[in-house]
Amino acid sequence: MAQTAVMAGSLSEAVKPASLSFMATGTALGMAMVARATVALVGLVAILALKPGRLLWGLKVLAGLLVAASFAWTGHGAATVGPGGLLHLGADIVHTIAAALWLGALASLTILLLRRTSPDDHALHRALHGFAGLGTLAVTLLVLSGLVNSWFLIGPARFGEIGTNLYGQLLIAKLVLFVLMLALAAGNRFRLTPVLGSVLAGGGDVQPALSHLRRSVVAETLVGAALLAVVAVMGTLAPPSAM
């Protein structure tokens, strides 16, 4: 309804069935939103109807990947025409999925650290240690796909002028936040998680180590949320290559 009002330029259009129907069936953006909502609904039904196990986890992962990938079809990656169109769209899909893996795992770890109901510190350490491999994969995919996207959205001839327009300035802010997330993630992986493992192995008090991890993971999650806000604004702007 909000998107209908924006595209129609009128709040009253957002409640008219004809306008909503046109948005949902007559525009690529609307069809993608309907498909995304449908997949998300299937995932929700699976959570409510199925018992925890491999089938449920598989359906949830598939639904999540489809929801994340669907954003690429309504973003800048889908607007590129010519021989590089498929490459740009593919890079955008990879970029979105990698971001979803990283931020989704961070959200789960944040919940584990803030809402532990049982003293299973060894399971928590295994989760943190397992995230290290996933985080490395996500960062690698983000960097590679980000370079491809920058090539199409900015263009090699305009890299020197990146700070002269709002899109470029937001891109710089995004990169700064990304580097900050990398620094926090590196601290978690190479310092705080090993410290927790050492304390668990020695039978000592785990609370100080958990407190440090909790603060660091929460900070990384908040920086990730800020990064998403910057990306949301960037998605409303025309990239330098279109100017």
Protein backbone atom coordinates (compact mmCIF):
# COMPACT_ATOMS: atom_id res chain seq x y z
CA MET A 1 0.00 0.00 0.00
CA ALA A 2 2.84 2.39 0.81
CA GLN A 3 4.55 1.66 -2.51
CA THR A 4 1.27 2.24 -4.36
CA ALA A 5 0.89 5.63 -2.71
CA VAL A 6 4.47 6.56 -3.63
CA MET A 7 4.12 5.54 -7.28
CA ALA A 8 0.67 7.11 -7.67
CA GLY A 9 1.64 10.27 -5.83
CA SER A 10 -1.46 10.11 -3.67
CA LEU A 11 -2.27 8.56 -0.31
CA SER A 12 -5.87 7.94 -1.38
CA GLU A 13 -4.71 5.66 -4.21
CA ALA A 14 -3.17 3.29 -1.66
CA VAL A 15 -6.62 2.06 -0.59
CA LYS A 16 -8.21 1.77 -4.03
CA PRO A 17 -8.53 -1.86 -5.20
CA ALA A 18 -7.81 -0.92 -8.82
CA SER A 19 -4.55 0.82 -7.92
CA LEU A 20 -3.45 -1.98 -5.61
CA SER A 21 -4.29 -4.57 -8.25
CA PHE A 22 -2.25 -2.72 -10.88
CA MET A 23 0.70 -2.48 -8.49
CA ALA A 24 0.56 -6.20 -7.69
CA THR A 25 0.03 -7.51 -11.22
CA GLY A 26 1.10 -4.78 -13.62
CA THR A 27 4.55 -3.83 -12.35
CA ALA A 28 7.72 -5.86 -11.89
CA LEU A 29 8.16 -4.37 -8.43
CA GLY A 30 4.66 -5.39 -7.35
CA MET A 31 4.97 -8.91 -8.72
CA ALA A 32 8.28 -9.34 -6.93
CA MET A 33 6.73 -8.13 -3.68
CA VAL A 34 3.81 -10.57 -4.05
CA ALA A 35 6.19 -13.45 -4.82
CA ARG A 36 8.37 -12.49 -1.85
CA ALA A 37 5.39 -12.35 0.49
CA THR A 38 4.14 -15.72 -0.79
CA VAL A 39 7.48 -17.42 -0.18
CA ALA A 40 7.71 -15.83 3.26
CA LEU A 41 4.21 -17.06 4.08
CA VAL A 42 5.17 -20.60 3.03
CA GLY A 43 8.17 -20.36 5.37
CA LEU A 44 5.95 -19.20 8.23
CA VAL A 45 3.46 -22.03 7.67
CA ALA A 46 6.36 -24.51 7.64
CA ILE A 47 7.58 -23.20 11.00
CA LEU A 48 4.11 -23.56 12.52
CA ALA A 49 3.27 -26.93 10.95
CA LEU A 50 6.51 -28.92 10.96
CA LYS A 51 8.60 -30.26 13.81
CA PRO A 52 12.21 -29.04 14.08
CA GLY A 53 14.44 -31.14 11.87
CA ARG A 54 16.27 -31.29 8.56
CA LEU A 55 13.12 -30.82 6.47
CA LEU A 56 12.08 -27.67 8.32
CA TRP A 57 15.60 -26.22 8.27
CA GLY A 58 15.89 -26.98 4.54
CA LEU A 59 12.58 -25.28 3.74
CA LYS A 60 13.46 -22.24 5.84
CA VAL A 61 16.88 -21.88 4.22
CA LEU A 62 15.37 -22.19 0.74
CA ALA A 63 12.64 -19.67 1.54
CA GLY A 64 15.15 -17.25 2.99
CA LEU A 65 17.45 -17.51 -0.02
CA LEU A 66 14.55 -16.93 -2.42
CA VAL A 67 13.32 -13.93 -0.46
CA ALA A 68 16.81 -12.42 -0.37
CA ALA A 69 17.50 -13.10 -4.04
CA SER A 70 14.17 -11.59 -5.11
CA PHE A 71 15.34 -8.11 -4.14
CA ALA A 72 17.87 -8.20 -6.98
CA TRP A 73 15.10 -8.34 -9.58
CA THR A 74 13.75 -4.96 -8.44
CA GLY A 75 17.09 -3.24 -7.84
CA HIS A 76 19.83 -1.68 -9.91
CA GLY A 77 21.09 -5.08 -11.00
CA ALA A 78 17.93 -5.75 -12.99
CA ALA A 79 18.15 -2.41 -14.80
CA THR A 80 21.43 -3.14 -16.60
CA VAL A 81 20.92 -3.93 -20.29
CA GLY A 82 23.30 -5.41 -22.80
CA PRO A 83 25.81 -8.25 -22.54
CA GLY A 84 26.71 -7.40 -18.94
CA GLY A 85 23.14 -7.53 -17.68
CA LEU A 86 23.22 -11.14 -16.50
CA LEU A 87 26.61 -10.66 -14.83
CA HIS A 88 25.37 -7.62 -12.92
CA LEU A 89 22.14 -9.35 -11.91
CA GLY A 90 24.04 -12.45 -10.80
CA ALA A 91 26.48 -10.35 -8.75
CA ASP A 92 23.56 -8.52 -7.16
CA ILE A 93 21.92 -11.83 -6.19
CA VAL A 94 25.16 -13.11 -4.66
CA HIS A 95 25.66 -9.80 -2.84
CA THR A 96 22.16 -9.91 -1.34
CA ILE A 97 22.38 -13.54 -0.28
CA ALA A 98 25.82 -13.06 1.30
CA ALA A 99 24.54 -10.05 3.26
CA ALA A 100 21.52 -12.08 4.40
CA LEU A 101 23.77 -14.92 5.59
CA TRP A 102 26.01 -12.60 7.59
CA LEU A 103 23.31 -10.40 9.12
CA GLY A 104 20.94 -13.32 9.71
CA ALA A 105 23.60 -15.27 11.55
CA LEU A 106 24.45 -12.16 13.57
CA ALA A 107 20.82 -11.76 14.59
CA SER A 108 20.71 -15.39 15.75
CA LEU A 109 23.94 -15.04 17.72
CA THR A 110 22.68 -11.85 19.32
CA ILE A 111 19.53 -13.65 20.49
CA LEU A 112 21.61 -16.55 21.82
CA LEU A 113 23.86 -14.21 23.78
CA LEU A 114 21.09 -11.98 25.14
CA ARG A 115 18.41 -14.58 25.89
CA ARG A 116 20.24 -17.68 27.10
CA THR A 117 17.82 -19.73 29.17
CA SER A 118 20.15 -22.64 29.91
CA PRO A 119 23.84 -22.69 30.86
CA ASP A 120 24.95 -24.54 27.71
CA ASP A 121 28.09 -22.52 27.19
CA HIS A 122 29.78 -25.23 25.13
CA ALA A 123 26.93 -25.17 22.57
CA LEU A 124 27.20 -21.38 22.44
CA HIS A 125 30.93 -21.61 21.81
CA ARG A 126 30.33 -24.11 18.99
CA ALA A 127 27.82 -21.72 17.42
CA LEU A 128 30.28 -18.82 17.62
CA HIS A 129 33.09 -20.97 16.25
CA GLY A 130 30.88 -22.23 13.42
CA PHE A 131 29.92 -18.67 12.49
CA ALA A 132 33.57 -17.93 11.76
CA GLY A 133 33.54 -20.05 8.60
CA LEU A 134 30.18 -18.70 7.44
CA GLY A 135 31.30 -15.14 8.10
CA THR A 136 34.48 -15.62 6.07
CA LEU A 137 32.48 -16.98 3.14
CA ALA A 138 29.97 -14.13 3.35
CA VAL A 139 32.69 -11.47 3.45
CA THR A 140 34.50 -12.99 0.47
CA LEU A 141 31.28 -13.07 -1.57
CA LEU A 142 30.38 -9.52 -0.52
CA VAL A 143 33.73 -8.13 -1.58
CA LEU A 144 33.82 -9.90 -4.96
CA SER A 145 30.20 -9.16 -5.85
CA GLY A 146 30.57 -5.59 -4.54
CA LEU A 147 33.44 -4.96 -6.94
CA VAL A 148 31.33 -6.18 -9.85
CA ASN A 149 28.39 -4.02 -8.78
CA SER A 150 30.61 -0.96 -8.40
CA TRP A 151 31.96 -1.49 -11.90
CA PHE A 152 28.43 -1.31 -13.32
CA LEU A 153 26.90 1.30 -10.99
CA ILE A 154 29.79 3.75 -10.86
CA GLY A 155 31.96 2.94 -13.84
CA PRO A 156 35.77 2.98 -13.90
CA ALA A 157 35.84 6.51 -15.33
CA ARG A 158 33.89 7.93 -12.37
CA PHE A 159 35.72 6.33 -9.43
CA GLY A 160 37.71 9.52 -8.90
CA GLU A 161 34.48 11.52 -8.53
CA ILE A 162 32.83 9.15 -6.06
CA GLY A 163 32.57 11.77 -3.32
CA THR A 164 30.99 14.48 -5.46
CA ASN A 165 27.42 13.13 -5.38
CA LEU A 166 25.04 11.78 -2.75
CA TYR A 167 25.17 8.21 -4.06
CA GLY A 168 28.96 8.15 -3.86
CA GLN A 169 28.96 9.70 -0.39
CA LEU A 170 26.53 7.06 0.84
CA LEU A 171 28.69 4.37 -0.76
CA ILE A 172 31.68 5.69 1.19
CA ALA A 173 29.60 5.59 4.40
CA LYS A 174 28.58 2.02 3.54
CA LEU A 175 32.20 0.99 3.08
CA VAL A 176 33.20 2.61 6.38
CA LEU A 177 30.45 0.69 8.20
CA PHE A 178 31.47 -2.50 6.39
CA VAL A 179 35.07 -2.11 7.53
CA LEU A 180 33.88 -1.46 11.08
CA MET A 181 31.83 -4.68 10.96
CA LEU A 182 34.90 -6.51 9.67
CA ALA A 183 36.98 -5.20 12.57
CA LEU A 184 34.38 -6.31 15.12
CA ALA A 185 34.01 -9.70 13.41
CA ALA A 186 37.77 -10.21 13.40
CA GLY A 187 37.92 -9.40 17.11
CA ASN A 188 35.17 -11.92 17.81
CA ARG A 189 36.78 -14.66 15.74
CA PHE A 190 40.45 -14.30 16.62
CA ARG A 191 40.32 -12.98 20.17
CA LEU A 192 37.01 -13.21 22.05
CA THR A 193 35.79 -16.63 20.85
CA PRO A 194 39.16 -18.33 21.50
CA VAL A 195 39.22 -16.75 24.98
CA LEU A 196 35.80 -18.25 25.71
CA GLY A 197 37.05 -21.64 24.48
CA SER A 198 40.09 -21.45 26.73
CA VAL A 199 37.98 -20.56 29.76
CA LEU A 200 35.58 -23.43 29.04
CA ALA A 201 38.47 -25.86 28.65
CA GLY A 202 40.00 -24.71 31.94
CA GLY A 203 36.73 -24.79 33.87
CA GLY A 204 36.92 -21.11 34.85
CA ASP A 205 34.25 -18.42 35.14
CA VAL A 206 32.82 -17.79 31.68
CA GLN A 207 30.81 -14.68 32.52
CA PRO A 208 33.54 -12.09 31.77
CA ALA A 209 34.29 -13.71 28.41
CA LEU A 210 30.58 -13.92 27.59
CA SER A 211 30.07 -10.27 28.54
CA HIS A 212 32.81 -9.15 26.16
CA LEU A 213 31.38 -11.31 23.38
CA ARG A 214 27.87 -10.06 24.05
CA ARG A 215 28.89 -6.41 23.74
CA SER A 216 30.92 -7.04 20.61
CA VAL A 217 28.24 -9.08 18.79
CA VAL A 218 25.51 -6.59 19.70
CA ALA A 219 27.71 -3.73 18.44
CA GLU A 220 28.35 -5.60 15.17
CA THR A 221 24.61 -6.19 14.75
CA LEU A 222 23.81 -2.52 15.34
CA VAL A 223 26.44 -1.45 12.80
CA GLY A 224 24.88 -3.93 10.37
CA ALA A 225 21.47 -2.34 10.93
CA ALA A 226 22.94 1.10 10.21
CA LEU A 227 24.54 -0.27 7.05
CA LEU A 228 21.16 -1.61 5.91
CA ALA A 229 19.64 1.85 6.45
CA VAL A 230 22.32 3.40 4.23
CA VAL A 231 21.72 0.75 1.54
CA ALA A 232 17.97 1.42 1.69
CA VAL A 233 18.56 5.10 0.87
CA MET A 234 21.03 4.20 -1.88
CA GLY A 235 18.37 2.03 -3.49
CA THR A 236 16.19 5.11 -4.06
CA LEU A 237 18.92 7.04 -5.90
CA ALA A 238 20.13 6.85 -9.46
CA PRO A 239 23.72 5.49 -9.59
CA PRO A 240 26.47 7.62 -11.21
CA SER A 241 26.48 5.36 -14.28
CA ALA A 242 22.90 6.45 -15.03
CA MET A 243 23.68 10.16 -14.82
